[in-house]
Amino acid sequence: MFKLINDKHSILTINPLPSLDKVKEHYKNIYFQELTSNGYHKFYTEKELKHYKNKSEYYLKLFEKFTGTNPSNIFEPGYGEGFTLSYFKNKNIEIYGVDLSQEGLYSHNKELLENQNIIQGYFEEKIYFDKKFDLIILDHFLEHVYDIDKTMDNLKKYVNEKTILIITVPNEFNAIQKSYLLNKDLEKEQAPWIQNIEHLRYFQPSSLDKLLTNYDFKRISNIMSDFPIDINILSEESNYYNDPKLGKNPYMLKLIFEDLLFNNSFEDYLELCSAFAKNNVGRNLTAVFKLN
């Protein structure tokens, strides 16, 4: 049995942690291969593929907004299925990545396997590139890493005063989720979104800020969130934790809604995302950081 405790950065963290060998085995042999709750699939619809393109473009537009330029290179630890790296490669931007598994690339972006800068490896284990990067993207990465301090120490080896760091993490125990737990009379550890192998820590806006501040980064953007898809768990008729089959339609509606707004006005979309975060709703958090 595990508990959720606040670590020194105030991040809710699984305690005790599973063994490191068990975690590595999960990502190498299960995470992309089995259709589990992570949502990875062998095939995606056109709407889902458009979502991945929009998310990559979102990261590029954020870089442009805060620098006025395009990056010459990008580094993505935990590149997953490679959609972001593929997008930047097609923009003639030099790409680098490290991930424990390349299974996602085999399914969706096989051409990246030929790139010598796309490495299968364990980010916390060593420094893979003797290089500083213009843009580093941590897209649903920090909640998975085993040793958050080793991760941050290694991350700093790749940054200089010009590096832009964009981080996306799940917005855990937000206002909607807290209401759900209260109505169900559940403890945090009983929350149905807890994944004590895949997600070892659970971020809120304050803990994300504290972690980055503790490693001498400053946030240069608003904290932004996305469409609060978890409003569906507040009704028994749409609660996808009771019946996972109920999750597909709300997810597709979320993609359509975000595509509509994102392609209408990027600045207005950012304003809405900031408002979601200010109201402590939205399923994910995104923020932009630089060295202090």
C-alpha atoms as a PDB file:
ATOM      1  CA  MET A   1       0.000   0.000   0.000  1.00  0.00           C
ATOM      2  CA  PHE A   2       1.242   3.501  -0.795  1.00  0.00           C
ATOM      3  CA  LYS A   3       0.571   7.011   0.450  1.00  0.00           C
ATOM      4  CA  LEU A   4       0.810  10.385  -1.240  1.00  0.00           C
ATOM      5  CA  ILE A   5       3.216  12.666   0.589  1.00  0.00           C
ATOM      6  CA  ASN A   6       4.579  16.122  -0.132  1.00  0.00           C
ATOM      7  CA  ASP A   7       8.250  16.017  -1.091  1.00  0.00           C
ATOM      8  CA  LYS A   8      10.637  18.914  -0.406  1.00  0.00           C
ATOM      9  CA  HIS A   9       9.288  20.716  -3.478  1.00  0.00           C
ATOM     10  CA  SER A  10       5.695  20.295  -2.188  1.00  0.00           C
ATOM     11  CA  ILE A  11       4.943  17.821  -5.003  1.00  0.00           C
ATOM     12  CA  LEU A  12       2.521  15.061  -4.050  1.00  0.00           C
ATOM     13  CA  THR A  13       4.623  11.916  -4.490  1.00  0.00           C
ATOM     14  CA  ILE A  14       3.998   8.174  -4.264  1.00  0.00           C
ATOM     15  CA  ASN A  15       5.532   6.741  -1.077  1.00  0.00           C
ATOM     16  CA  PRO A  16       7.094   4.275  -1.082  1.00  0.00           C
ATOM     17  CA  LEU A  17       8.211   4.395  -4.690  1.00  0.00           C
ATOM     18  CA  PRO A  18       8.112   1.151  -6.665  1.00  0.00           C
ATOM     19  CA  SER A  19      11.513  -0.322  -7.467  1.00  0.00           C
ATOM     20  CA  LEU A  20      13.457   1.385 -10.239  1.00  0.00           C
ATOM     21  CA  ASP A  21      13.802  -1.935 -12.080  1.00  0.00           C
ATOM     22  CA  LYS A  22      10.035  -2.354 -12.067  1.00  0.00           C
ATOM     23  CA  VAL A  23       9.532   1.159 -13.460  1.00  0.00           C
ATOM     24  CA  LYS A  24      12.127   0.659 -16.227  1.00  0.00           C
ATOM     25  CA  GLU A  25      10.583  -2.674 -17.173  1.00  0.00           C
ATOM     26  CA  HIS A  26       7.142  -1.082 -17.403  1.00  0.00           C
ATOM     27  CA  TYR A  27       8.253   1.605 -19.852  1.00  0.00           C
ATOM     28  CA  LYS A  28      10.372  -0.697 -21.976  1.00  0.00           C
ATOM     29  CA  ASN A  29       7.873  -3.531 -22.352  1.00  0.00           C
ATOM     30  CA  ILE A  30       4.360  -2.375 -21.410  1.00  0.00           C
ATOM     31  CA  TYR A  31       3.781   1.386 -21.654  1.00  0.00           C
ATOM     32  CA  PHE A  32       3.446   1.692 -25.443  1.00  0.00           C
ATOM     33  CA  GLN A  33       2.730  -1.949 -26.174  1.00  0.00           C
ATOM     34  CA  GLU A  34      -0.463  -2.438 -24.151  1.00  0.00           C
ATOM     35  CA  LEU A  35      -3.641  -0.377 -24.455  1.00  0.00           C
ATOM     36  CA  THR A  36      -3.627   0.824 -20.864  1.00  0.00           C
ATOM     37  CA  SER A  37      -4.840   4.093 -19.333  1.00  0.00           C
ATOM     38  CA  ASN A  38      -1.976   6.108 -20.822  1.00  0.00           C
ATOM     39  CA  GLY A  39      -4.052   6.474 -23.995  1.00  0.00           C
ATOM     40  CA  TYR A  40      -1.380   5.423 -26.513  1.00  0.00           C
ATOM     41  CA  HIS A  41      -2.621   3.531 -29.542  1.00  0.00           C
ATOM     42  CA  LYS A  42      -1.258   1.942 -32.681  1.00  0.00           C
ATOM     43  CA  PHE A  43      -3.614   4.024 -34.837  1.00  0.00           C
ATOM     44  CA  TYR A  44      -5.043   7.533 -34.473  1.00  0.00           C
ATOM     45  CA  THR A  45      -7.891   9.365 -36.170  1.00  0.00           C
ATOM     46  CA  GLU A  46      -7.291  12.465 -38.270  1.00  0.00           C
ATOM     47  CA  LYS A  47      -8.636  14.622 -35.426  1.00  0.00           C
ATOM     48  CA  GLU A  48      -6.135  13.064 -33.001  1.00  0.00           C
ATOM     49  CA  LEU A  49      -3.251  13.560 -35.423  1.00  0.00           C
ATOM     50  CA  LYS A  50      -4.336  17.186 -35.893  1.00  0.00           C
ATOM     51  CA  HIS A  51      -4.261  17.561 -32.110  1.00  0.00           C
ATOM     52  CA  TYR A  52      -0.622  16.408 -31.993  1.00  0.00           C
ATOM     53  CA  LYS A  53       0.250  18.866 -34.745  1.00  0.00           C
ATOM     54  CA  ASN A  54      -1.541  21.686 -32.921  1.00  0.00           C
ATOM     55  CA  LYS A  55       0.269  20.895 -29.681  1.00  0.00           C
ATOM     56  CA  SER A  56       3.649  21.003 -31.426  1.00  0.00           C
ATOM     57  CA  GLU A  57       2.726  24.275 -33.094  1.00  0.00           C
ATOM     58  CA  TYR A  58       1.601  25.589 -29.706  1.00  0.00           C
ATOM     59  CA  TYR A  59       5.082  24.945 -28.319  1.00  0.00           C
ATOM     60  CA  LEU A  60       6.713  26.630 -31.310  1.00  0.00           C
ATOM     61  CA  LYS A  61       4.432  29.667 -31.024  1.00  0.00           C
ATOM     62  CA  LEU A  62       5.235  29.962 -27.321  1.00  0.00           C
ATOM     63  CA  PHE A  63       8.947  29.956 -28.147  1.00  0.00           C
ATOM     64  CA  GLU A  64       8.410  32.637 -30.788  1.00  0.00           C
ATOM     65  CA  LYS A  65       6.286  34.711 -28.407  1.00  0.00           C
ATOM     66  CA  PHE A  66       8.999  34.875 -25.753  1.00  0.00           C
ATOM     67  CA  THR A  67      12.056  35.129 -27.999  1.00  0.00           C
ATOM     68  CA  GLY A  68      10.906  36.699 -31.262  1.00  0.00           C
ATOM     69  CA  THR A  69      12.815  33.995 -33.179  1.00  0.00           C
ATOM     70  CA  ASN A  70      12.677  30.331 -34.144  1.00  0.00           C
ATOM     71  CA  PRO A  71      14.820  27.755 -32.302  1.00  0.00           C
ATOM     72  CA  SER A  72      17.818  26.291 -34.097  1.00  0.00           C
ATOM     73  CA  ASN A  73      17.505  23.086 -32.070  1.00  0.00           C
ATOM     74  CA  ILE A  74      15.123  21.325 -29.712  1.00  0.00           C
ATOM     75  CA  PHE A  75      15.621  18.662 -27.057  1.00  0.00           C
ATOM     76  CA  GLU A  76      12.764  16.489 -25.801  1.00  0.00           C
ATOM     77  CA  PRO A  77      13.418  14.011 -22.992  1.00  0.00           C
ATOM     78  CA  GLY A  78      10.565  11.514 -22.993  1.00  0.00           C
ATOM     79  CA  TYR A  79       9.719  11.969 -26.669  1.00  0.00           C
ATOM     80  CA  GLY A  80       7.162   9.139 -26.619  1.00  0.00           C
ATOM     81  CA  GLU A  81       5.725   8.561 -30.062  1.00  0.00           C
ATOM     82  CA  GLY A  82       7.809  11.330 -31.605  1.00  0.00           C
ATOM     83  CA  PHE A  83       5.070  13.603 -32.941  1.00  0.00           C
ATOM     84  CA  THR A  84       6.650  16.774 -31.532  1.00  0.00           C
ATOM     85  CA  LEU A  85      10.144  15.939 -32.752  1.00  0.00           C
ATOM     86  CA  SER A  86       8.794  15.031 -36.184  1.00  0.00           C
ATOM     87  CA  TYR A  87       6.979  18.382 -36.399  1.00  0.00           C
ATOM     88  CA  PHE A  88      10.154  20.330 -35.592  1.00  0.00           C
ATOM     89  CA  LYS A  89      12.231  18.186 -37.950  1.00  0.00           C
ATOM     90  CA  ASN A  90       9.848  19.137 -40.759  1.00  0.00           C
ATOM     91  CA  LYS A  91      10.540  22.783 -39.870  1.00  0.00           C
ATOM     92  CA  ASN A  92      14.256  22.119 -40.488  1.00  0.00           C
ATOM     93  CA  ILE A  93      15.035  22.476 -36.791  1.00  0.00           C
ATOM     94  CA  GLU A  94      17.699  20.173 -35.355  1.00  0.00           C
ATOM     95  CA  ILE A  95      16.110  17.598 -33.047  1.00  0.00           C
ATOM     96  CA  TYR A  96      17.427  15.642 -30.062  1.00  0.00           C
ATOM     97  CA  GLY A  97      15.648  13.217 -27.740  1.00  0.00           C
ATOM     98  CA  VAL A  98      16.056  10.535 -25.074  1.00  0.00           C
ATOM     99  CA  ASP A  99      13.416   7.980 -24.057  1.00  0.00           C
ATOM    100  CA  LEU A 100      13.433   4.590 -22.344  1.00  0.00           C
ATOM    101  CA  SER A 101      11.357   3.089 -25.155  1.00  0.00           C
ATOM    102  CA  GLN A 102      11.353   3.489 -28.916  1.00  0.00           C
ATOM    103  CA  GLU A 103       8.204   1.432 -29.357  1.00  0.00           C
ATOM    104  CA  GLY A 104       6.136   4.560 -29.990  1.00  0.00           C
ATOM    105  CA  LEU A 105       8.451   5.583 -32.830  1.00  0.00           C
ATOM    106  CA  TYR A 106       8.077   2.195 -34.501  1.00  0.00           C
ATOM    107  CA  SER A 107       4.317   2.726 -34.590  1.00  0.00           C
ATOM    108  CA  HIS A 108       4.105   6.360 -35.678  1.00  0.00           C
ATOM    109  CA  ASN A 109       7.374   8.072 -36.629  1.00  0.00           C
ATOM    110  CA  LYS A 110       9.697   5.302 -37.751  1.00  0.00           C
ATOM    111  CA  GLU A 111      11.879   7.686 -39.773  1.00  0.00           C
ATOM    112  CA  LEU A 112      13.170   9.196 -36.515  1.00  0.00           C
ATOM    113  CA  LEU A 113      14.848   5.888 -35.660  1.00  0.00           C
ATOM    114  CA  GLU A 114      17.503   6.701 -38.254  1.00  0.00           C
ATOM    115  CA  ASN A 115      18.437   9.947 -36.478  1.00  0.00           C
ATOM    116  CA  GLN A 116      21.543   9.419 -34.316  1.00  0.00           C
ATOM    117  CA  ASN A 117      20.375  12.190 -31.959  1.00  0.00           C
ATOM    118  CA  ILE A 118      17.205  10.259 -31.055  1.00  0.00           C
ATOM    119  CA  ILE A 119      18.446   7.922 -28.358  1.00  0.00           C
ATOM    120  CA  GLN A 120      16.913   5.096 -26.371  1.00  0.00           C
ATOM    121  CA  GLY A 121      18.169   5.620 -22.847  1.00  0.00           C
ATOM    122  CA  TYR A 122      17.419   6.595 -19.269  1.00  0.00           C
ATOM    123  CA  PHE A 123      17.553  10.378 -18.880  1.00  0.00           C
ATOM    124  CA  GLU A 124      18.472  10.294 -15.193  1.00  0.00           C
ATOM    125  CA  GLU A 125      21.372   7.915 -15.787  1.00  0.00           C
ATOM    126  CA  LYS A 126      23.840  10.146 -17.634  1.00  0.00           C
ATOM    127  CA  ILE A 127      24.397  13.172 -19.859  1.00  0.00           C
ATOM    128  CA  TYR A 128      23.814  12.137 -23.471  1.00  0.00           C
ATOM    129  CA  PHE A 129      24.682  15.339 -25.366  1.00  0.00           C
ATOM    130  CA  ASP A 130      27.507  17.827 -24.863  1.00  0.00           C
ATOM    131  CA  LYS A 131      25.260  20.649 -25.993  1.00  0.00           C
ATOM    132  CA  LYS A 132      23.062  23.536 -24.895  1.00  0.00           C
ATOM    133  CA  PHE A 133      19.623  23.816 -26.454  1.00  0.00           C
ATOM    134  CA  ASP A 134      17.455  26.708 -27.589  1.00  0.00           C
ATOM    135  CA  LEU A 135      14.239  24.894 -26.669  1.00  0.00           C
ATOM    136  CA  ILE A 136      13.640  22.027 -24.250  1.00  0.00           C
ATOM    137  CA  ILE A 137      10.165  20.521 -24.070  1.00  0.00           C
ATOM    138  CA  LEU A 138       9.071  18.384 -21.131  1.00  0.00           C
ATOM    139  CA  ASP A 139       5.673  17.174 -22.299  1.00  0.00           C
ATOM    140  CA  HIS A 140       4.164  14.886 -19.649  1.00  0.00           C
ATOM    141  CA  PHE A 141       7.626  13.906 -18.494  1.00  0.00           C
ATOM    142  CA  LEU A 142       8.169  15.118 -14.936  1.00  0.00           C
ATOM    143  CA  GLU A 143       5.302  13.110 -13.468  1.00  0.00           C
ATOM    144  CA  HIS A 144       6.996   9.923 -14.723  1.00  0.00           C
ATOM    145  CA  VAL A 145      10.643  10.385 -13.686  1.00  0.00           C
ATOM    146  CA  TYR A 146      11.976   8.344 -10.803  1.00  0.00           C
ATOM    147  CA  ASP A 147      14.382  10.817  -9.192  1.00  0.00           C
ATOM    148  CA  ILE A 148      13.127  14.369  -9.655  1.00  0.00           C
ATOM    149  CA  ASP A 149      16.303  15.957  -8.280  1.00  0.00           C
ATOM    150  CA  LYS A 150      18.642  13.934 -10.490  1.00  0.00           C
ATOM    151  CA  THR A 151      16.374  14.797 -13.399  1.00  0.00           C
ATOM    152  CA  MET A 152      16.584  18.526 -12.691  1.00  0.00           C
ATOM    153  CA  ASP A 153      20.353  18.368 -12.130  1.00  0.00           C
ATOM    154  CA  ASN A 154      20.801  16.662 -15.507  1.00  0.00           C
ATOM    155  CA  LEU A 155      18.387  19.041 -17.195  1.00  0.00           C
ATOM    156  CA  LYS A 156      20.466  22.048 -16.155  1.00  0.00           C
ATOM    157  CA  LYS A 157      23.457  20.612 -18.032  1.00  0.00           C
ATOM    158  CA  TYR A 158      21.620  21.332 -21.273  1.00  0.00           C
ATOM    159  CA  VAL A 159      20.546  24.933 -20.640  1.00  0.00           C
ATOM    160  CA  ASN A 160      22.089  28.371 -20.801  1.00  0.00           C
ATOM    161  CA  GLU A 161      20.684  31.843 -20.212  1.00  0.00           C
ATOM    162  CA  LYS A 162      18.896  31.810 -23.589  1.00  0.00           C
ATOM    163  CA  THR A 163      17.257  28.385 -23.270  1.00  0.00           C
ATOM    164  CA  ILE A 164      13.462  28.300 -23.222  1.00  0.00           C
ATOM    165  CA  LEU A 165      11.986  25.461 -21.169  1.00  0.00           C
ATOM    166  CA  ILE A 166       8.338  24.556 -21.799  1.00  0.00           C
ATOM    167  CA  ILE A 167       6.749  22.147 -19.351  1.00  0.00           C
ATOM    168  CA  THR A 168       3.395  20.368 -19.509  1.00  0.00           C
ATOM    169  CA  VAL A 169       2.206  18.210 -16.600  1.00  0.00           C
ATOM    170  CA  PRO A 170      -1.220  16.927 -15.534  1.00  0.00           C
ATOM    171  CA  ASN A 171      -3.158  19.352 -13.329  1.00  0.00           C
ATOM    172  CA  GLU A 172      -3.800  16.950 -10.488  1.00  0.00           C
ATOM    173  CA  PHE A 173      -6.286  17.474  -7.657  1.00  0.00           C
ATOM    174  CA  ASN A 174      -7.693  20.532  -9.365  1.00  0.00           C
ATOM    175  CA  ALA A 175     -11.023  22.036  -8.249  1.00  0.00           C
ATOM    176  CA  ILE A 176     -13.096  19.553 -10.249  1.00  0.00           C
ATOM    177  CA  GLN A 177     -11.193  16.538  -8.962  1.00  0.00           C
ATOM    178  CA  LYS A 178     -11.347  17.784  -5.368  1.00  0.00           C
ATOM    179  CA  SER A 179     -15.121  18.151  -5.705  1.00  0.00           C
ATOM    180  CA  TYR A 180     -15.322  14.608  -7.056  1.00  0.00           C
ATOM    181  CA  LEU A 181     -13.358  13.177  -4.127  1.00  0.00           C
ATOM    182  CA  LEU A 182     -15.458  15.132  -1.639  1.00  0.00           C
ATOM    183  CA  ASN A 183     -18.732  13.942  -3.166  1.00  0.00           C
ATOM    184  CA  LYS A 184     -17.486  10.346  -3.252  1.00  0.00           C
ATOM    185  CA  ASP A 185     -15.948  10.564   0.249  1.00  0.00           C
ATOM    186  CA  LEU A 186     -12.598   9.320  -1.081  1.00  0.00           C
ATOM    187  CA  GLU A 187      -9.064   9.918   0.159  1.00  0.00           C
ATOM    188  CA  LYS A 188      -6.432  11.210  -2.280  1.00  0.00           C
ATOM    189  CA  GLU A 189      -4.891   7.751  -2.547  1.00  0.00           C
ATOM    190  CA  GLN A 190      -8.255   6.357  -3.676  1.00  0.00           C
ATOM    191  CA  ALA A 191      -8.549   8.765  -6.598  1.00  0.00           C
ATOM    192  CA  PRO A 192      -9.182   6.796  -9.804  1.00  0.00           C
ATOM    193  CA  TRP A 193      -6.578   8.838 -11.710  1.00  0.00           C
ATOM    194  CA  ILE A 194      -3.721   7.620  -9.487  1.00  0.00           C
ATOM    195  CA  GLN A 195      -1.251   5.436 -11.407  1.00  0.00           C
ATOM    196  CA  ASN A 196       1.391   4.374  -8.939  1.00  0.00           C
ATOM    197  CA  ILE A 197       3.781   2.953 -11.554  1.00  0.00           C
ATOM    198  CA  GLU A 198       3.361   5.427 -14.394  1.00  0.00           C
ATOM    199  CA  HIS A 199       2.727   8.644 -12.426  1.00  0.00           C
ATOM    200  CA  LEU A 200       5.011   8.885  -9.441  1.00  0.00           C
ATOM    201  CA  ARG A 201       4.185  12.527  -8.644  1.00  0.00           C
ATOM    202  CA  TYR A 202       1.145  14.809  -8.926  1.00  0.00           C
ATOM    203  CA  PHE A 203       1.575  18.494  -9.734  1.00  0.00           C
ATOM    204  CA  GLN A 204      -0.405  21.600  -8.939  1.00  0.00           C
ATOM    205  CA  PRO A 205       0.547  25.096 -10.189  1.00  0.00           C
ATOM    206  CA  SER A 206       2.259  25.963  -6.901  1.00  0.00           C
ATOM    207  CA  SER A 207       4.400  22.818  -6.776  1.00  0.00           C
ATOM    208  CA  LEU A 208       5.457  23.190 -10.413  1.00  0.00           C
ATOM    209  CA  ASP A 209       6.572  26.742  -9.673  1.00  0.00           C
ATOM    210  CA  LYS A 210       8.363  25.714  -6.484  1.00  0.00           C
ATOM    211  CA  LEU A 211      10.288  22.908  -8.187  1.00  0.00           C
ATOM    212  CA  LEU A 212      11.553  25.199 -10.949  1.00  0.00           C
ATOM    213  CA  THR A 213      12.344  28.012  -8.519  1.00  0.00           C
ATOM    214  CA  ASN A 214      14.365  25.591  -6.403  1.00  0.00           C
ATOM    215  CA  TYR A 215      16.520  24.920  -9.468  1.00  0.00           C
ATOM    216  CA  ASP A 216      17.033  28.596 -10.320  1.00  0.00           C
ATOM    217  CA  PHE A 217      14.457  28.888 -13.090  1.00  0.00           C
ATOM    218  CA  LYS A 218      11.913  31.679 -13.340  1.00  0.00           C
ATOM    219  CA  ARG A 219       8.523  31.454 -14.958  1.00  0.00           C
ATOM    220  CA  ILE A 220       8.141  33.955 -17.816  1.00  0.00           C
ATOM    221  CA  SER A 221       4.584  33.065 -18.853  1.00  0.00           C
ATOM    222  CA  ASN A 222       1.255  32.711 -17.158  1.00  0.00           C
ATOM    223  CA  ILE A 223       0.454  29.214 -16.029  1.00  0.00           C
ATOM    224  CA  MET A 224      -1.957  27.892 -18.629  1.00  0.00           C
ATOM    225  CA  SER A 225      -4.349  24.976 -18.614  1.00  0.00           C
ATOM    226  CA  ASP A 226      -6.533  23.304 -21.224  1.00  0.00           C
ATOM    227  CA  PHE A 227     -10.169  22.337 -21.623  1.00  0.00           C
ATOM    228  CA  PRO A 228     -11.492  20.851 -18.326  1.00  0.00           C
ATOM    229  CA  ILE A 229     -12.469  17.474 -19.718  1.00  0.00           C
ATOM    230  CA  ASP A 230     -12.867  16.136 -16.180  1.00  0.00           C
ATOM    231  CA  ILE A 231     -16.161  18.039 -15.773  1.00  0.00           C
ATOM    232  CA  ASN A 232     -17.534  14.745 -17.073  1.00  0.00           C
ATOM    233  CA  ILE A 233     -16.683  12.936 -13.837  1.00  0.00           C
ATOM    234  CA  LEU A 234     -19.106  15.168 -11.905  1.00  0.00           C
ATOM    235  CA  SER A 235     -22.077  13.361 -13.482  1.00  0.00           C
ATOM    236  CA  GLU A 236     -22.715   9.637 -13.137  1.00  0.00           C
ATOM    237  CA  GLU A 237     -24.074   9.617 -16.697  1.00  0.00           C
ATOM    238  CA  SER A 238     -20.737  10.787 -18.139  1.00  0.00           C
ATOM    239  CA  ASN A 239     -18.245   9.566 -15.523  1.00  0.00           C
ATOM    240  CA  TYR A 240     -15.578   7.773 -17.575  1.00  0.00           C
ATOM    241  CA  TYR A 241     -13.950   6.373 -14.431  1.00  0.00           C
ATOM    242  CA  ASN A 242     -17.110   4.294 -13.902  1.00  0.00           C
ATOM    243  CA  ASP A 243     -17.172   3.264 -17.552  1.00  0.00           C
ATOM    244  CA  PRO A 244     -14.018   3.918 -19.643  1.00  0.00           C
ATOM    245  CA  LYS A 245     -16.068   3.671 -22.854  1.00  0.00           C
ATOM    246  CA  LEU A 246     -17.654   7.002 -21.901  1.00  0.00           C
ATOM    247  CA  GLY A 247     -14.300   8.773 -22.221  1.00  0.00           C
ATOM    248  CA  LYS A 248     -13.883   8.648 -26.001  1.00  0.00           C
ATOM    249  CA  ASN A 249     -16.652  11.074 -26.968  1.00  0.00           C
ATOM    250  CA  PRO A 250     -15.699  13.814 -24.449  1.00  0.00           C
ATOM    251  CA  TYR A 251     -12.071  13.442 -25.531  1.00  0.00           C
ATOM    252  CA  MET A 252     -12.919  13.904 -29.205  1.00  0.00           C
ATOM    253  CA  LEU A 253     -15.125  16.920 -28.383  1.00  0.00           C
ATOM    254  CA  LYS A 254     -12.200  18.392 -26.440  1.00  0.00           C
ATOM    255  CA  LEU A 255      -9.957  18.025 -29.500  1.00  0.00           C
ATOM    256  CA  ILE A 256     -12.529  19.660 -31.789  1.00  0.00           C
ATOM    257  CA  PHE A 257     -13.125  22.517 -29.346  1.00  0.00           C
ATOM    258  CA  GLU A 258      -9.421  23.227 -28.862  1.00  0.00           C
ATOM    259  CA  ASP A 259      -8.705  23.007 -32.594  1.00  0.00           C
ATOM    260  CA  LEU A 260     -11.454  25.548 -33.255  1.00  0.00           C
ATOM    261  CA  LEU A 261     -10.075  28.050 -30.745  1.00  0.00           C
ATOM    262  CA  PHE A 262      -6.386  27.472 -31.431  1.00  0.00           C
ATOM    263  CA  ASN A 263      -6.779  28.101 -35.137  1.00  0.00           C
ATOM    264  CA  ASN A 264      -8.996  31.147 -34.608  1.00  0.00           C
ATOM    265  CA  SER A 265      -6.593  33.249 -32.497  1.00  0.00           C
ATOM    266  CA  PHE A 266      -3.487  32.052 -30.692  1.00  0.00           C
ATOM    267  CA  GLU A 267      -3.450  35.018 -28.292  1.00  0.00           C
ATOM    268  CA  ASP A 268      -7.120  34.590 -27.422  1.00  0.00           C
ATOM    269  CA  TYR A 269      -6.526  30.875 -26.913  1.00  0.00           C
ATOM    270  CA  LEU A 270      -3.671  31.643 -24.486  1.00  0.00           C
ATOM    271  CA  GLU A 271      -5.954  34.021 -22.607  1.00  0.00           C
ATOM    272  CA  LEU A 272      -8.560  31.293 -22.202  1.00  0.00           C
ATOM    273  CA  CYS A 273      -5.921  28.774 -21.110  1.00  0.00           C
ATOM    274  CA  SER A 274      -4.680  31.238 -18.494  1.00  0.00           C
ATOM    275  CA  ALA A 275      -8.243  31.720 -17.246  1.00  0.00           C
ATOM    276  CA  PHE A 276      -8.728  27.966 -16.888  1.00  0.00           C
ATOM    277  CA  ALA A 277      -5.566  27.785 -14.773  1.00  0.00           C
ATOM    278  CA  LYS A 278      -6.574  30.792 -12.635  1.00  0.00           C
ATOM    279  CA  ASN A 279      -9.858  29.047 -11.870  1.00  0.00           C
ATOM    280  CA  ASN A 280      -7.983  25.829 -10.987  1.00  0.00           C
ATOM    281  CA  VAL A 281      -9.647  23.780 -13.721  1.00  0.00           C
ATOM    282  CA  GLY A 282      -8.259  22.191 -16.856  1.00  0.00           C
ATOM    283  CA  ARG A 283      -6.671  18.751 -17.118  1.00  0.00           C
ATOM    284  CA  ASN A 284      -3.096  19.831 -17.861  1.00  0.00           C
ATOM    285  CA  LEU A 285      -0.769  22.684 -16.928  1.00  0.00           C
ATOM    286  CA  THR A 286       1.720  24.366 -19.256  1.00  0.00           C
ATOM    287  CA  ALA A 287       4.250  27.070 -18.402  1.00  0.00           C
ATOM    288  CA  VAL A 288       7.403  28.625 -19.896  1.00  0.00           C
ATOM    289  CA  PHE A 289      10.615  29.002 -17.883  1.00  0.00           C
ATOM    290  CA  LYS A 290      14.145  30.404 -18.237  1.00  0.00           C
ATOM    291  CA  LEU A 291      17.170  30.403 -15.980  1.00  0.00           C
ATOM    292  CA  ASN A 292      16.921  33.074 -13.323  1.00  0.00           C
END
